[in-house]
Amino acid sequence: QVQLQESGPGLVRPSQTLYLTCTVSGVHIPRNDDSLHWIRQPPGKGPEWMGNIYYRGDTHYSPSLKSRITIARGTSLNQIILQLSSVTPEDSAVYYCVRWVAFTGYDYWGQGTQVTVSS
């Protein structure tokens, strides 16, 4: 069993930078072709893919967020950090960390963390 846990501030001021951490625990053997993704869902809207980082290290970002987003490894292979700069109220959403396994697809989701951007 694998668990993903998102953590970070629930409230961020406009123009600030949002930092979220995803920690993977449980029976988990990372492989180079597997990756961890950030997906968010604003209230009343569908999910939006933000970006991912492969265990081999390369990253990919949504074109609409590319100028503001960075996904990087944390203190171990089982931790990643999302950095989203210059946030606006439109960035308010539930943010999910999701594992993607090669030849399988998305298999484990975190419970999600609510982020509100407001002054």
C-alpha atoms as a PDB file:
ATOM      1  CA  GLN A   1       0.000   0.000   0.000  1.00  0.00           C
ATOM      2  CA  VAL A   2       1.245   3.454  -0.925  1.00  0.00           C
ATOM      3  CA  GLN A   3       0.200   6.706   0.679  1.00  0.00           C
ATOM      4  CA  LEU A   4       0.714  10.214  -0.640  1.00  0.00           C
ATOM      5  CA  GLN A   5       0.335  13.165   1.688  1.00  0.00           C
ATOM      6  CA  GLU A   6       0.205  16.798   0.618  1.00  0.00           C
ATOM      7  CA  SER A   7       1.110  19.520   3.089  1.00  0.00           C
ATOM      8  CA  GLY A   8       1.381  23.282   3.025  1.00  0.00           C
ATOM      9  CA  PRO A   9      -0.365  26.504   3.988  1.00  0.00           C
ATOM     10  CA  GLY A  10      -4.085  26.699   3.602  1.00  0.00           C
ATOM     11  CA  LEU A  11      -4.014  30.445   2.973  1.00  0.00           C
ATOM     12  CA  VAL A  12      -1.674  32.400   0.754  1.00  0.00           C
ATOM     13  CA  ARG A  13      -1.718  36.126   0.001  1.00  0.00           C
ATOM     14  CA  PRO A  14      -1.949  37.328  -3.602  1.00  0.00           C
ATOM     15  CA  SER A  15       1.424  37.817  -5.326  1.00  0.00           C
ATOM     16  CA  GLN A  16       3.150  35.469  -2.876  1.00  0.00           C
ATOM     17  CA  THR A  17       4.696  32.104  -3.696  1.00  0.00           C
ATOM     18  CA  LEU A  18       2.898  28.917  -2.797  1.00  0.00           C
ATOM     19  CA  TYR A  19       4.941  25.963  -1.561  1.00  0.00           C
ATOM     20  CA  LEU A  20       3.406  22.507  -1.199  1.00  0.00           C
ATOM     21  CA  THR A  21       5.111  19.277  -0.232  1.00  0.00           C
ATOM     22  CA  CYS A  22       4.124  15.751  -1.246  1.00  0.00           C
ATOM     23  CA  THR A  23       5.497  12.843   0.763  1.00  0.00           C
ATOM     24  CA  VAL A  24       5.193   9.252  -0.411  1.00  0.00           C
ATOM     25  CA  SER A  25       5.194   6.448   2.138  1.00  0.00           C
ATOM     26  CA  GLY A  26       4.496   2.748   2.277  1.00  0.00           C
ATOM     27  CA  VAL A  27       5.756  -0.027   0.056  1.00  0.00           C
ATOM     28  CA  HIS A  28       7.180   1.970  -2.800  1.00  0.00           C
ATOM     29  CA  ILE A  29      10.081   1.219  -5.083  1.00  0.00           C
ATOM     30  CA  PRO A  30      10.650   4.222  -7.319  1.00  0.00           C
ATOM     31  CA  ARG A  31      11.582   3.515 -10.916  1.00  0.00           C
ATOM     32  CA  ASN A  32      13.018   5.966 -13.425  1.00  0.00           C
ATOM     33  CA  ASP A  33       9.926   5.914 -15.667  1.00  0.00           C
ATOM     34  CA  ASP A  34       7.498   6.545 -12.809  1.00  0.00           C
ATOM     35  CA  SER A  35       6.587  10.071 -11.833  1.00  0.00           C
ATOM     36  CA  LEU A  36       4.768  12.227  -9.337  1.00  0.00           C
ATOM     37  CA  HIS A  37       2.241  14.760 -10.569  1.00  0.00           C
ATOM     38  CA  TRP A  38       0.472  17.800  -9.224  1.00  0.00           C
ATOM     39  CA  ILE A  39      -3.169  18.155 -10.215  1.00  0.00           C
ATOM     40  CA  ARG A  40      -5.486  20.818  -8.872  1.00  0.00           C
ATOM     41  CA  GLN A  41      -9.207  21.363  -8.924  1.00  0.00           C
ATOM     42  CA  PRO A  42     -10.650  24.852  -8.450  1.00  0.00           C
ATOM     43  CA  PRO A  43     -14.115  25.106  -6.916  1.00  0.00           C
ATOM     44  CA  GLY A  44     -16.812  24.316  -9.445  1.00  0.00           C
ATOM     45  CA  LYS A  45     -14.296  23.377 -12.147  1.00  0.00           C
ATOM     46  CA  GLY A  46     -12.667  20.261 -13.464  1.00  0.00           C
ATOM     47  CA  PRO A  47      -9.213  19.007 -12.555  1.00  0.00           C
ATOM     48  CA  GLU A  48      -6.203  20.737 -14.067  1.00  0.00           C
ATOM     49  CA  TRP A  49      -2.895  19.000 -14.637  1.00  0.00           C
ATOM     50  CA  MET A  50      -0.058  21.236 -13.459  1.00  0.00           C
ATOM     51  CA  GLY A  51       3.136  19.286 -13.980  1.00  0.00           C
ATOM     52  CA  ASN A  52       5.207  16.304 -12.992  1.00  0.00           C
ATOM     53  CA  ILE A  53       8.657  15.115 -12.070  1.00  0.00           C
ATOM     54  CA  TYR A  54      10.045  11.756 -13.046  1.00  0.00           C
ATOM     55  CA  TYR A  55      12.110   9.776 -10.585  1.00  0.00           C
ATOM     56  CA  ARG A  56      14.962  10.081 -13.072  1.00  0.00           C
ATOM     57  CA  GLY A  57      14.743  13.831 -12.522  1.00  0.00           C
ATOM     58  CA  ASP A  58      13.199  15.510 -15.558  1.00  0.00           C
ATOM     59  CA  THR A  59      10.150  17.713 -15.205  1.00  0.00           C
ATOM     60  CA  HIS A  60       7.251  18.736 -17.421  1.00  0.00           C
ATOM     61  CA  TYR A  61       4.862  21.613 -16.885  1.00  0.00           C
ATOM     62  CA  SER A  62       1.534  22.806 -18.156  1.00  0.00           C
ATOM     63  CA  PRO A  63       2.127  25.542 -20.762  1.00  0.00           C
ATOM     64  CA  SER A  64      -0.342  27.799 -18.971  1.00  0.00           C
ATOM     65  CA  LEU A  65       1.700  27.624 -15.748  1.00  0.00           C
ATOM     66  CA  LYS A  66       5.214  27.229 -17.113  1.00  0.00           C
ATOM     67  CA  SER A  67       6.309  30.746 -16.239  1.00  0.00           C
ATOM     68  CA  ARG A  68       5.264  30.356 -12.587  1.00  0.00           C
ATOM     69  CA  ILE A  69       5.729  26.703 -11.629  1.00  0.00           C
ATOM     70  CA  THR A  70       8.633  24.648 -10.391  1.00  0.00           C
ATOM     71  CA  ILE A  71       8.526  21.043  -9.207  1.00  0.00           C
ATOM     72  CA  ALA A  72      11.594  19.743  -7.462  1.00  0.00           C
ATOM     73  CA  ARG A  73      12.746  16.904  -5.272  1.00  0.00           C
ATOM     74  CA  GLY A  74      12.594  17.348  -1.542  1.00  0.00           C
ATOM     75  CA  THR A  75      14.878  15.806   0.999  1.00  0.00           C
ATOM     76  CA  SER A  76      14.485  12.308  -0.454  1.00  0.00           C
ATOM     77  CA  LEU A  77      13.244  10.505  -3.551  1.00  0.00           C
ATOM     78  CA  ASN A  78       9.919  10.130  -1.781  1.00  0.00           C
ATOM     79  CA  GLN A  79       9.300  13.829  -1.411  1.00  0.00           C
ATOM     80  CA  ILE A  80       8.591  16.521  -3.972  1.00  0.00           C
ATOM     81  CA  ILE A  81       7.911  20.226  -3.659  1.00  0.00           C
ATOM     82  CA  LEU A  82       5.593  22.369  -5.728  1.00  0.00           C
ATOM     83  CA  GLN A  83       6.474  26.036  -6.062  1.00  0.00           C
ATOM     84  CA  LEU A  84       3.933  28.356  -7.685  1.00  0.00           C
ATOM     85  CA  SER A  85       4.836  32.021  -7.818  1.00  0.00           C
ATOM     86  CA  SER A  86       2.754  35.182  -8.150  1.00  0.00           C
ATOM     87  CA  VAL A  87      -0.439  33.497  -7.037  1.00  0.00           C
ATOM     88  CA  THR A  88      -3.837  35.068  -7.586  1.00  0.00           C
ATOM     89  CA  PRO A  89      -7.292  34.120  -6.299  1.00  0.00           C
ATOM     90  CA  GLU A  90      -7.656  32.021  -9.488  1.00  0.00           C
ATOM     91  CA  ASP A  91      -5.048  29.679  -8.001  1.00  0.00           C
ATOM     92  CA  SER A  92      -7.399  28.774  -5.165  1.00  0.00           C
ATOM     93  CA  ALA A  93      -8.057  25.051  -5.465  1.00  0.00           C
ATOM     94  CA  VAL A  94      -7.648  21.654  -3.917  1.00  0.00           C
ATOM     95  CA  TYR A  95      -4.160  20.496  -4.821  1.00  0.00           C
ATOM     96  CA  TYR A  96      -3.469  16.782  -5.281  1.00  0.00           C
ATOM     97  CA  CYS A  97      -0.269  14.817  -5.493  1.00  0.00           C
ATOM     98  CA  VAL A  98      -0.649  11.752  -7.705  1.00  0.00           C
ATOM     99  CA  ARG A  99       1.636   8.879  -8.572  1.00  0.00           C
ATOM    100  CA  TRP A 100       1.910   7.716 -12.164  1.00  0.00           C
ATOM    101  CA  VAL A 101       3.372   4.316 -12.920  1.00  0.00           C
ATOM    102  CA  ALA A 102       4.686   3.367 -16.341  1.00  0.00           C
ATOM    103  CA  PHE A 103       2.297   1.065 -18.281  1.00  0.00           C
ATOM    104  CA  THR A 104      -0.301   1.493 -15.521  1.00  0.00           C
ATOM    105  CA  GLY A 105      -1.174   5.175 -15.227  1.00  0.00           C
ATOM    106  CA  TYR A 106      -2.297   7.076 -12.179  1.00  0.00           C
ATOM    107  CA  ASP A 107      -2.611   4.648  -9.305  1.00  0.00           C
ATOM    108  CA  TYR A 108      -2.435   6.514  -5.994  1.00  0.00           C
ATOM    109  CA  TRP A 109      -3.760   9.940  -5.084  1.00  0.00           C
ATOM    110  CA  GLY A 110      -3.176  12.015  -2.004  1.00  0.00           C
ATOM    111  CA  GLN A 111      -6.214  13.228  -0.093  1.00  0.00           C
ATOM    112  CA  GLY A 112      -5.662  16.741  -1.404  1.00  0.00           C
ATOM    113  CA  THR A 113      -4.987  19.995   0.358  1.00  0.00           C
ATOM    114  CA  GLN A 114      -7.138  23.115   0.093  1.00  0.00           C
ATOM    115  CA  VAL A 115      -5.305  26.286  -0.827  1.00  0.00           C
ATOM    116  CA  THR A 116      -7.050  29.641  -0.742  1.00  0.00           C
ATOM    117  CA  VAL A 117      -5.462  32.772  -2.185  1.00  0.00           C
ATOM    118  CA  SER A 118      -6.912  35.810  -0.510  1.00  0.00           C
ATOM    119  CA  SER A 119      -5.832  39.049   1.082  1.00  0.00           C
END
